């Protein structure tokens, strides 16, 4: 068993505090991603003139708003209903973390439907324009998760495992069932875990961006990039879920098959992406 592990750096999740106003690194990551997406979208729009400058500005801002609201609402309804009942104000604390990709996806889709209807533009043309840039936001968001020391993975002894300082409760639950890492817990006070935030940043962020913008650069049909995004993101997310620490109350068991709620949602968008792709090829 490996004797040394990476110790999570003591990063203050608050980037800047002015009086009673706190600006979190998590929010900064989303702001940076929005700046990058905005810059790239303006460059791409020059090549096809699909949007007027004002229309593009509105599209990006409304999509970003839909992402934030959908992500926070989705996270609250899927994972934190009890906390929401106790303290409803958590619904507007976007900057502290706690966002659901699937909720953000639904929020963005709703916004695009509305813009498609009001601007008389094809829905899938809009999603094809937006989809290749989404991995930027995902990747930066995962960096924010890492800084917040949240969404870490399962206990492991891989040489790049990380000791996270806020995993005590999960560590104790693990040790009650498996004493294999008891010596490590005594030494470090925590157990080594997969840094799944980094996995997701690399796979859902960088790799997915390359897939959509380099490997499959040409847009063969309307809905092509959208279908590829759903398909590849779903596969990547489904795979990474095997390394993430699951919430036991959101796991599903059937004939010895164990799936998390995120894997079920991943399967749904894989199928939607596949159906979209096949339908347009027939």
Protein backbone atom coordinates (compact mmCIF):
# COMPACT_ATOMS: atom_id res chain seq x y z
CA UNK A 1 0.00 0.00 0.00
CA UNK A 2 1.31 3.47 -0.79
CA UNK A 3 2.73 5.32 2.21
CA UNK A 4 2.39 8.87 0.92
CA UNK A 5 -0.61 10.73 -0.41
CA UNK A 6 -1.31 14.21 -1.65
CA UNK A 7 -2.63 16.36 1.16
CA UNK A 8 -5.35 18.73 0.02
CA UNK A 9 -3.92 22.26 0.11
CA UNK A 10 -5.57 24.54 2.63
CA UNK A 11 -7.21 26.85 0.12
CA UNK A 12 -9.67 29.38 1.47
CA UNK A 13 -12.84 28.94 -0.65
CA UNK A 14 -13.40 32.69 -0.28
CA UNK A 15 -11.45 34.59 -2.91
CA UNK A 16 -12.17 38.04 -1.52
CA UNK A 17 -14.18 39.46 1.34
CA UNK A 18 -15.39 43.05 1.39
CA UNK A 19 -17.18 43.87 4.64
CA UNK A 20 -19.95 41.23 4.80
CA UNK A 21 -19.78 40.37 1.09
CA UNK A 22 -17.81 37.22 0.27
CA UNK A 23 -16.67 36.38 -3.24
CA UNK A 24 -15.97 32.66 -3.59
CA UNK A 25 -13.45 30.94 -5.84
CA UNK A 26 -16.33 28.80 -7.13
CA UNK A 27 -18.10 31.88 -8.45
CA UNK A 28 -14.82 33.20 -9.88
CA UNK A 29 -14.38 29.97 -11.86
CA UNK A 30 -17.80 30.42 -13.47
CA UNK A 31 -17.04 34.05 -14.21
CA UNK A 32 -13.77 33.10 -15.92
CA UNK A 33 -15.51 30.43 -17.97
CA UNK A 34 -18.19 32.92 -19.03
CA UNK A 35 -15.52 35.38 -20.20
CA UNK A 36 -13.82 32.63 -22.25
CA UNK A 37 -17.10 31.41 -23.72
CA UNK A 38 -18.12 34.94 -24.62
CA UNK A 39 -14.80 35.59 -26.37
CA UNK A 40 -14.88 32.31 -28.31
CA UNK A 41 -18.53 32.74 -29.31
CA UNK A 42 -17.88 36.19 -30.77
CA UNK A 43 -14.96 34.80 -32.79
CA UNK A 44 -17.04 31.85 -34.05
CA UNK A 45 -19.98 34.09 -34.89
CA UNK A 46 -17.82 36.17 -37.23
CA UNK A 47 -17.44 33.12 -39.45
CA UNK A 48 -21.15 32.51 -40.01
CA UNK A 49 -22.96 35.72 -38.95
CA UNK A 50 -25.69 33.63 -37.35
CA UNK A 51 -26.26 36.24 -34.65
CA UNK A 52 -26.30 39.98 -34.48
CA UNK A 53 -24.01 41.28 -31.75
CA UNK A 54 -26.88 42.26 -29.44
CA UNK A 55 -28.65 38.93 -30.00
CA UNK A 56 -25.49 37.00 -29.17
CA UNK A 57 -24.95 39.07 -26.05
CA UNK A 58 -28.51 38.32 -24.88
CA UNK A 59 -28.18 34.63 -25.76
CA UNK A 60 -25.03 34.15 -23.70
CA UNK A 61 -26.32 36.10 -20.71
CA UNK A 62 -29.68 34.33 -20.62
CA UNK A 63 -28.06 30.91 -21.09
CA UNK A 64 -25.67 31.67 -18.24
CA UNK A 65 -28.61 32.70 -16.06
CA UNK A 66 -30.50 29.53 -17.03
CA UNK A 67 -27.42 27.46 -16.20
CA UNK A 68 -27.01 29.01 -12.74
CA UNK A 69 -30.67 28.88 -11.77
CA UNK A 70 -31.23 25.42 -13.23
CA UNK A 71 -28.03 24.09 -11.68
CA UNK A 72 -28.87 25.38 -8.22
CA UNK A 73 -32.52 24.36 -8.33
CA UNK A 74 -31.60 20.94 -9.71
CA UNK A 75 -28.99 20.36 -7.01
CA UNK A 76 -31.41 21.44 -4.29
CA UNK A 77 -34.29 19.26 -5.49
CA UNK A 78 -32.13 16.22 -6.27
CA UNK A 79 -29.74 16.19 -3.33
CA UNK A 80 -30.58 18.80 -0.68
CA UNK A 81 -34.35 18.90 -0.22
CA UNK A 82 -34.04 18.54 3.56
CA UNK A 83 -31.51 21.38 3.76
CA UNK A 84 -33.75 23.53 1.56
CA UNK A 85 -36.71 22.97 3.88
CA UNK A 86 -34.58 24.05 6.85
CA UNK A 87 -32.97 26.99 5.07
CA UNK A 88 -34.64 28.03 1.76
CA UNK A 89 -32.04 30.77 1.21
CA UNK A 90 -29.51 28.13 0.04
CA UNK A 91 -31.36 28.20 -3.29
CA UNK A 92 -29.86 31.58 -4.16
CA UNK A 93 -26.35 30.92 -2.79
CA UNK A 94 -24.94 30.02 -6.20
CA UNK A 95 -21.47 31.28 -5.35
CA UNK A 96 -20.90 28.74 -2.55
CA UNK A 97 -21.08 25.68 -4.80
CA UNK A 98 -23.65 22.94 -4.98
CA UNK A 99 -24.66 22.90 -8.63
CA UNK A 100 -26.19 20.07 -10.65
CA UNK A 101 -25.03 19.69 -14.24
CA UNK A 102 -28.32 18.05 -15.22
CA UNK A 103 -30.32 20.86 -13.62
CA UNK A 104 -28.14 23.42 -15.39
CA UNK A 105 -28.66 21.59 -18.69
CA UNK A 106 -32.43 21.71 -18.30
CA UNK A 107 -32.30 25.39 -17.31
CA UNK A 108 -30.21 26.21 -20.39
CA UNK A 109 -32.50 24.20 -22.68
CA UNK A 110 -35.55 26.09 -21.39
CA UNK A 111 -33.82 29.40 -22.11
CA UNK A 112 -32.83 28.27 -25.62
CA UNK A 113 -36.39 27.12 -26.35
CA UNK A 114 -37.63 30.57 -25.38
CA UNK A 115 -34.99 32.35 -27.49
CA UNK A 116 -35.65 30.00 -30.41
CA UNK A 117 -39.33 30.85 -30.30
CA UNK A 118 -38.95 34.61 -29.90
CA UNK A 119 -36.10 35.03 -32.41
CA UNK A 120 -37.55 32.58 -34.95
CA UNK A 121 -34.33 30.57 -35.07
CA UNK A 122 -34.01 26.78 -35.20
CA UNK A 123 -33.60 25.32 -31.74
CA UNK A 124 -30.93 22.79 -32.74
CA UNK A 125 -28.94 25.44 -34.60
CA UNK A 126 -28.71 27.37 -31.36
CA UNK A 127 -27.73 24.30 -29.34
CA UNK A 128 -25.10 23.39 -31.96
CA UNK A 129 -23.62 26.84 -31.48
CA UNK A 130 -23.61 26.58 -27.67
CA UNK A 131 -22.69 22.89 -27.14
CA UNK A 132 -18.98 23.01 -28.13
CA UNK A 133 -18.35 25.73 -25.54
CA UNK A 134 -20.09 24.06 -22.59
CA UNK A 135 -17.02 21.97 -21.60
CA UNK A 136 -15.23 25.21 -20.71
CA UNK A 137 -17.81 25.94 -18.03
CA UNK A 138 -17.82 22.33 -16.82
CA UNK A 139 -14.04 22.22 -16.51
CA UNK A 140 -13.81 25.50 -14.62
CA UNK A 141 -16.69 24.47 -12.37
CA UNK A 142 -14.82 21.28 -11.42
CA UNK A 143 -11.79 23.35 -10.44
CA UNK A 144 -14.18 25.27 -8.19
CA UNK A 145 -15.37 21.97 -6.70
CA UNK A 146 -11.77 21.00 -5.97
CA UNK A 147 -11.04 24.32 -4.28
CA UNK A 148 -14.22 23.87 -2.21
CA UNK A 149 -13.01 20.34 -1.31
CA UNK A 150 -16.33 18.83 -2.40
CA UNK A 151 -17.49 16.02 -4.68
CA UNK A 152 -14.38 13.95 -3.95
CA UNK A 153 -14.23 10.30 -4.85
CA UNK A 154 -14.18 6.90 -3.20
CA UNK A 155 -11.45 5.65 -0.90
CA UNK A 156 -8.44 4.39 -2.86
CA UNK A 157 -4.70 3.71 -2.59
CA UNK A 158 -3.71 4.95 -6.06
CA UNK A 159 -0.51 7.04 -5.91
CA UNK A 160 -2.35 10.24 -6.85
CA UNK A 161 -4.99 9.84 -4.11
CA UNK A 162 -5.78 12.98 -2.13
CA UNK A 163 -6.45 13.43 1.58
CA UNK A 164 -9.42 15.79 1.81
CA UNK A 165 -9.89 17.57 5.18
CA UNK A 166 -13.70 17.46 5.23
CA UNK A 167 -14.30 13.77 4.54
CA UNK A 168 -14.34 12.64 8.20
CA UNK A 169 -17.99 11.59 8.33
CA UNK A 170 -17.74 9.49 5.14
CA UNK A 171 -14.38 8.09 6.30
CA UNK A 172 -15.85 6.84 9.58
CA UNK A 173 -18.78 5.21 7.76
CA UNK A 174 -16.29 3.50 5.44
CA UNK A 175 -14.14 2.23 8.34
CA UNK A 176 -17.18 0.72 10.03
CA UNK A 177 -17.45 -1.67 7.08
CA UNK A 178 -13.79 -2.00 6.08
CA UNK A 179 -10.78 -1.60 8.37
CA UNK A 180 -8.25 -1.90 5.56
CA UNK A 181 -7.27 1.78 5.78
CA UNK A 182 -7.46 2.13 9.57
CA UNK A 183 -3.72 2.82 9.93
CA UNK A 184 -3.90 5.58 7.33
CA UNK A 185 -6.87 7.13 9.11
CA UNK A 186 -4.96 7.11 12.39
CA UNK A 187 -1.95 8.74 10.72
CA UNK A 188 -3.73 11.39 8.64
CA UNK A 189 -7.10 11.72 10.34
CA UNK A 190 -8.73 11.09 6.95
CA UNK A 191 -8.72 8.50 4.18
CA UNK A 192 -7.13 8.91 0.72
CA UNK A 193 -9.68 9.41 -2.05
CA UNK A 194 -9.94 9.73 -5.81
CA UNK A 195 -9.71 13.42 -6.82
CA UNK A 196 -12.74 13.03 -9.05
CA UNK A 197 -13.06 16.80 -9.50
CA UNK A 198 -9.76 16.65 -11.41
CA UNK A 199 -10.90 13.61 -13.40
CA UNK A 200 -14.01 15.50 -14.44
CA UNK A 201 -12.09 18.67 -15.27
CA UNK A 202 -9.85 16.67 -17.59
CA UNK A 203 -12.49 14.42 -19.18
CA UNK A 204 -15.67 16.52 -19.15
CA UNK A 205 -13.74 19.74 -19.65
CA UNK A 206 -10.58 19.40 -21.73
CA UNK A 207 -11.18 16.08 -23.53
CA UNK A 208 -14.83 16.84 -24.33
CA UNK A 209 -13.83 20.29 -25.61
CA UNK A 210 -11.28 18.68 -27.95
CA UNK A 211 -13.82 16.11 -29.14
CA UNK A 212 -16.38 18.76 -30.07
CA UNK A 213 -13.99 21.41 -31.42
CA UNK A 214 -11.10 19.46 -32.94
CA UNK A 215 -11.94 15.79 -33.56
CA UNK A 216 -15.51 16.40 -34.75
CA UNK A 217 -15.04 19.98 -35.85
CA UNK A 218 -17.33 19.92 -38.91
CA UNK A 219 -21.05 20.27 -38.37
CA UNK A 220 -22.45 17.55 -40.66
CA UNK A 221 -26.14 18.17 -39.94
CA UNK A 222 -28.31 20.35 -37.73
CA UNK A 223 -28.16 18.85 -34.26
CA UNK A 224 -24.81 17.10 -34.91
CA UNK A 225 -22.78 18.88 -32.23
CA UNK A 226 -25.69 18.76 -29.79
CA UNK A 227 -26.10 15.00 -30.18
CA UNK A 228 -22.34 14.42 -29.83
CA UNK A 229 -22.21 16.55 -26.69
CA UNK A 230 -25.04 14.61 -25.01
CA UNK A 231 -23.63 11.24 -26.07
CA UNK A 232 -20.01 11.79 -25.05
CA UNK A 233 -20.79 13.72 -21.87
CA UNK A 234 -23.18 10.97 -20.79
CA UNK A 235 -20.57 8.26 -21.35
CA UNK A 236 -17.83 10.20 -19.54
CA UNK A 237 -20.08 11.08 -16.61
CA UNK A 238 -21.40 7.51 -16.32
CA UNK A 239 -17.81 6.22 -16.13
CA UNK A 240 -16.58 8.80 -13.60
CA UNK A 241 -19.50 8.01 -11.28
CA UNK A 242 -17.78 4.71 -10.48
CA UNK A 243 -15.01 6.72 -8.79
CA UNK A 244 -17.14 9.36 -7.05
CA UNK A 245 -18.33 8.97 -3.48
CA UNK A 246 -22.06 8.30 -3.92
CA UNK A 247 -24.89 9.32 -1.64
CA UNK A 248 -26.34 6.00 -0.56
CA UNK A 249 -29.88 7.39 -0.56
CA UNK A 250 -29.52 8.13 -4.28
CA UNK A 251 -28.37 4.69 -5.37
CA UNK A 252 -30.57 2.16 -7.14
CA UNK A 253 -30.26 -1.61 -6.82
CA UNK A 254 -31.68 -4.15 -9.24
CA UNK A 255 -30.48 -7.76 -9.63
CA UNK A 256 -27.03 -6.91 -8.22
CA UNK A 257 -26.73 -3.92 -10.57
CA UNK A 258 -25.96 -0.74 -8.64
CA UNK A 259 -26.43 2.66 -10.28
CA UNK A 260 -26.39 6.17 -8.91
CA UNK A 261 -28.99 8.75 -9.85
CA UNK A 262 -26.34 10.53 -11.93
CA UNK A 263 -25.67 7.33 -13.88
CA UNK A 264 -29.38 6.96 -14.60
CA UNK A 265 -29.48 10.57 -15.82
CA UNK A 266 -26.33 9.93 -17.86
CA UNK A 267 -27.95 6.94 -19.54
CA UNK A 268 -30.94 9.12 -20.46
CA UNK A 269 -28.83 11.76 -22.21
CA UNK A 270 -26.70 9.09 -23.91
CA UNK A 271 -29.89 7.66 -25.41
CA UNK A 272 -31.21 11.11 -26.38
CA UNK A 273 -27.91 11.96 -28.08
CA UNK A 274 -27.81 8.61 -29.87
CA UNK A 275 -31.41 8.93 -31.07
CA UNK A 276 -30.76 12.47 -32.32
CA UNK A 277 -27.67 11.29 -34.20
CA UNK A 278 -29.27 8.22 -35.80
CA UNK A 279 -32.47 10.09 -36.70
CA UNK A 280 -30.54 12.71 -38.64
CA UNK A 281 -28.49 10.09 -40.49
CA UNK A 282 -31.50 8.10 -41.67
